[in-house]
């Protein structure tokens, strides 16, 4: 004989027609004899019928897109080690790319060779002789900082839509912090003042190139969307 407690737990199964023939028969017998269970079964059946009449409204495309975007953002950071997030970050990718492009430029145009070339041109060219030596080497450092960071920013700026200036400053500072020691080590034979001015140019090029490139690309993406 089924108790009232058991009957209450299997009432939804009866309405969903999930009981076997024997279970259904024993439950119906109990309901015939127990008024309390019969009343509760009637209330549950009424609620069940109301639920069947509910119309589930399909969410709009905008709501679906927002939910999916939030879910993807949460999934990107869940249960992942810190180095996994670092590898996928805009700053890490852009700095790494800029260092790679900078090494390629260095192999094609070594610092010492370009500095010697500028010294020769300043002696032989009236155009170069017109400019102070500090201006020439600052501009040279500017190019060594600007070109690789700009190329890398274009290649790895897929997620630069938010805070491009902040991210650009971060990229520029980290890139310059890695590149300047390498530059100084490669130019021990030159005057410290010359190396200092060219290092300032590298810093200026890295900061302006990173912030400018990410800001322009961010604006282009916002306008396109």
Protein backbone atom coordinates (compact mmCIF):
# COMPACT_ATOMS: atom_id res chain seq x y z
CA UNK A 1 0.00 0.00 0.00
CA UNK A 2 1.39 3.39 -1.01
CA UNK A 3 1.76 6.03 1.75
CA UNK A 4 0.71 9.64 1.30
CA UNK A 5 4.33 10.77 1.19
CA UNK A 6 5.13 8.43 -1.69
CA UNK A 7 1.96 9.43 -3.51
CA UNK A 8 2.93 13.13 -3.31
CA UNK A 9 6.35 12.46 -4.80
CA UNK A 10 5.00 10.52 -7.80
CA UNK A 11 2.06 12.80 -8.62
CA UNK A 12 4.04 14.64 -11.35
CA UNK A 13 5.00 11.28 -12.85
CA UNK A 14 1.32 10.33 -13.05
CA UNK A 15 0.48 13.55 -14.88
CA UNK A 16 3.44 13.05 -17.23
CA UNK A 17 2.27 9.45 -17.87
CA UNK A 18 5.61 8.04 -16.76
CA UNK A 19 4.25 5.36 -14.38
CA UNK A 20 3.92 1.70 -15.17
CA UNK A 21 0.46 0.15 -15.37
CA UNK A 22 0.80 -1.43 -11.91
CA UNK A 23 2.07 1.82 -10.31
CA UNK A 24 -0.71 3.81 -11.93
CA UNK A 25 -3.33 1.32 -10.70
CA UNK A 26 -2.06 1.42 -7.10
CA UNK A 27 -1.89 5.20 -7.11
CA UNK A 28 -5.44 5.56 -8.41
CA UNK A 29 -6.66 3.20 -5.71
CA UNK A 30 -5.01 5.36 -3.05
CA UNK A 31 -6.51 8.54 -4.50
CA UNK A 32 -9.99 6.99 -4.36
CA UNK A 33 -9.61 6.40 -0.62
CA UNK A 34 -7.57 9.49 0.45
CA UNK A 35 -9.32 12.82 0.21
CA UNK A 36 -6.24 14.88 1.10
CA UNK A 37 -4.14 13.33 -1.66
CA UNK A 38 -7.05 13.64 -4.06
CA UNK A 39 -7.37 17.37 -3.35
CA UNK A 40 -3.62 17.89 -3.74
CA UNK A 41 -3.68 15.90 -6.98
CA UNK A 42 -6.49 18.07 -8.32
CA UNK A 43 -4.59 21.28 -7.47
CA UNK A 44 -1.44 19.94 -9.11
CA UNK A 45 -3.37 18.89 -12.20
CA UNK A 46 -4.89 22.37 -12.49
CA UNK A 47 -1.44 23.96 -12.24
CA UNK A 48 -0.11 21.47 -14.78
CA UNK A 49 -2.80 22.47 -17.30
CA UNK A 50 -2.00 26.18 -16.82
CA UNK A 51 1.66 25.47 -17.49
CA UNK A 52 0.75 23.75 -20.76
CA UNK A 53 -1.07 26.92 -21.86
CA UNK A 54 1.92 29.21 -21.32
CA UNK A 55 3.47 30.62 -24.45
CA UNK A 56 7.24 30.84 -24.32
CA UNK A 57 8.31 34.04 -26.01
CA UNK A 58 11.32 33.74 -28.28
CA UNK A 59 14.07 36.18 -27.19
CA UNK A 60 15.11 38.84 -29.67
CA UNK A 61 18.29 38.58 -31.72
CA UNK A 62 19.85 41.41 -29.69
CA UNK A 63 19.23 39.60 -26.40
CA UNK A 64 20.65 36.36 -27.81
CA UNK A 65 23.75 38.17 -29.07
CA UNK A 66 24.26 39.88 -25.70
CA UNK A 67 23.93 36.63 -23.76
CA UNK A 68 26.31 34.80 -26.09
CA UNK A 69 28.86 37.62 -25.88
CA UNK A 70 28.72 37.59 -22.07
CA UNK A 71 29.04 33.80 -22.04
CA UNK A 72 32.06 33.88 -24.33
CA UNK A 73 33.70 36.53 -22.14
CA UNK A 74 33.15 34.40 -19.04
CA UNK A 75 34.41 31.25 -20.75
CA UNK A 76 37.60 32.96 -21.87
CA UNK A 77 38.73 33.40 -18.27
CA UNK A 78 37.25 30.39 -16.48
CA UNK A 79 39.64 27.77 -15.08
CA UNK A 80 42.54 28.97 -17.21
CA UNK A 81 46.09 29.45 -15.87
CA UNK A 82 47.45 33.00 -15.92
CA UNK A 83 49.91 32.25 -18.72
CA UNK A 84 47.08 31.08 -20.98
CA UNK A 85 45.30 34.46 -20.63
CA UNK A 86 48.63 36.24 -21.11
CA UNK A 87 49.28 34.51 -24.43
CA UNK A 88 45.90 35.62 -25.74
CA UNK A 89 46.10 39.22 -24.51
CA UNK A 90 46.40 42.10 -26.95
CA UNK A 91 49.37 43.64 -25.12
CA UNK A 92 51.38 40.41 -25.04
CA UNK A 93 50.75 39.61 -28.71
CA UNK A 94 51.50 43.15 -29.88
CA UNK A 95 54.70 43.48 -27.83
CA UNK A 96 55.93 40.07 -28.93
CA UNK A 97 55.15 40.88 -32.55
CA UNK A 98 56.86 44.28 -32.30
CA UNK A 99 60.01 42.69 -30.86
CA UNK A 100 60.01 40.18 -33.70
CA UNK A 101 59.60 42.88 -36.35
CA UNK A 102 62.26 44.96 -34.60
CA UNK A 103 64.76 42.10 -34.79
CA UNK A 104 64.03 41.70 -38.51
CA UNK A 105 64.62 45.43 -39.06
CA UNK A 106 67.82 45.24 -37.02
CA UNK A 107 69.13 42.36 -39.13
CA UNK A 108 68.44 44.36 -42.31
CA UNK A 109 69.50 47.76 -40.94
CA UNK A 110 71.88 47.24 -37.94
CA UNK A 111 72.08 50.16 -35.54
CA UNK A 112 75.82 50.68 -35.88
CA UNK A 113 75.74 50.60 -39.67
CA UNK A 114 72.88 53.12 -39.87
CA UNK A 115 74.59 55.42 -37.34
CA UNK A 116 77.83 55.31 -39.35
CA UNK A 117 75.83 56.02 -42.51
CA UNK A 118 74.24 59.07 -40.88
CA UNK A 119 77.67 60.31 -39.79
CA UNK A 120 78.90 60.01 -43.39
CA UNK A 121 75.82 61.70 -44.83
CA UNK A 122 76.11 64.57 -42.34
CA UNK A 123 79.65 65.21 -43.58
CA UNK A 124 78.89 64.86 -47.27
CA UNK A 125 75.28 65.98 -47.65
CA UNK A 126 74.25 69.61 -47.31
CA UNK A 127 70.73 68.48 -46.41
CA UNK A 128 71.87 66.37 -43.43
CA UNK A 129 74.44 68.98 -42.42
CA UNK A 130 71.59 71.49 -41.99
CA UNK A 131 70.11 69.52 -39.06
CA UNK A 132 71.73 69.22 -35.60
CA UNK A 133 73.16 65.78 -34.88
CA UNK A 134 70.76 65.25 -31.98
CA UNK A 135 67.73 65.78 -34.22
CA UNK A 136 68.99 63.24 -36.74
CA UNK A 137 69.57 60.53 -34.15
CA UNK A 138 66.33 61.24 -32.35
CA UNK A 139 64.49 60.82 -35.67
CA UNK A 140 66.44 57.62 -36.33
CA UNK A 141 65.46 56.20 -32.94
CA UNK A 142 61.89 57.33 -33.59
CA UNK A 143 61.78 55.15 -36.71
CA UNK A 144 63.26 52.14 -34.89
CA UNK A 145 60.53 52.44 -32.28
CA UNK A 146 57.64 53.51 -34.50
CA UNK A 147 57.82 51.11 -37.45
CA UNK A 148 57.84 47.69 -35.69
CA UNK A 149 55.20 48.64 -33.10
CA UNK A 150 52.90 50.04 -35.79
CA UNK A 151 53.20 46.93 -37.96
CA UNK A 152 52.57 44.70 -34.95
CA UNK A 153 49.60 46.81 -33.84
CA UNK A 154 47.99 46.36 -37.25
CA UNK A 155 48.57 42.59 -37.15
CA UNK A 156 47.40 41.94 -33.56
CA UNK A 157 44.74 44.57 -32.87
CA UNK A 158 41.73 42.25 -33.09
CA UNK A 159 40.50 43.22 -29.60
CA UNK A 160 41.53 46.85 -29.49
CA UNK A 161 38.01 48.29 -29.37
CA UNK A 162 38.16 49.08 -25.61
CA UNK A 163 40.61 51.60 -24.09
CA UNK A 164 43.00 51.74 -27.07
CA UNK A 165 45.04 54.61 -25.61
CA UNK A 166 45.63 52.80 -22.30
CA UNK A 167 46.52 49.58 -24.08
CA UNK A 168 48.71 51.50 -26.51
CA UNK A 169 50.66 53.12 -23.68
CA UNK A 170 51.13 49.73 -22.04
CA UNK A 171 52.35 48.18 -25.28
CA UNK A 172 54.71 51.08 -25.98
CA UNK A 173 56.26 51.10 -22.50
CA UNK A 174 56.84 47.32 -22.42
CA UNK A 175 58.23 47.27 -25.96
CA UNK A 176 60.64 50.13 -25.23
CA UNK A 177 61.71 48.49 -21.96
CA UNK A 178 62.76 45.36 -23.87
CA UNK A 179 64.23 47.08 -26.94
CA UNK A 180 66.38 49.83 -25.35
CA UNK A 181 68.71 47.50 -23.39
CA UNK A 182 69.31 45.50 -26.58
CA UNK A 183 70.00 48.73 -28.48
CA UNK A 184 72.47 49.98 -25.85
CA UNK A 185 74.35 46.65 -25.85
CA UNK A 186 74.68 46.80 -29.65
CA UNK A 187 76.15 50.34 -29.65
CA UNK A 188 79.02 50.39 -27.10
CA UNK A 189 81.38 52.25 -29.45
CA UNK A 190 79.23 55.36 -29.78
CA UNK A 191 79.09 58.39 -27.49
CA UNK A 192 76.72 58.03 -24.53
CA UNK A 193 74.94 61.26 -25.44
CA UNK A 194 74.21 59.98 -28.93
CA UNK A 195 72.93 56.67 -27.57
CA UNK A 196 70.77 58.51 -25.02
CA UNK A 197 69.16 60.74 -27.64
CA UNK A 198 68.47 57.79 -29.92
CA UNK A 199 66.99 55.85 -26.98
CA UNK A 200 64.64 58.78 -26.33
CA UNK A 201 63.62 58.56 -29.97
CA UNK A 202 62.89 54.85 -29.57
CA UNK A 203 60.69 55.57 -26.54
CA UNK A 204 58.83 58.33 -28.37
CA UNK A 205 58.36 56.13 -31.43
CA UNK A 206 57.14 53.16 -29.37
CA UNK A 207 54.60 55.22 -27.41
CA UNK A 208 53.30 57.24 -30.35
CA UNK A 209 53.24 54.25 -32.68
CA UNK A 210 51.38 51.98 -30.26
CA UNK A 211 48.80 54.51 -29.06
CA UNK A 212 48.28 56.02 -32.51
CA UNK A 213 47.90 52.69 -34.31
CA UNK A 214 45.51 51.13 -31.78
CA UNK A 215 43.44 54.32 -31.52
CA UNK A 216 43.06 54.70 -35.30
CA UNK A 217 42.20 51.03 -35.80
CA UNK A 218 39.74 51.15 -32.91
CA UNK A 219 37.97 54.14 -34.44
CA UNK A 220 37.83 52.39 -37.82
CA UNK A 221 36.25 49.28 -36.26
CA UNK A 222 33.71 51.33 -34.33
CA UNK A 223 32.67 53.17 -37.50
CA UNK A 224 32.47 49.92 -39.45
CA UNK A 225 30.21 48.35 -36.83
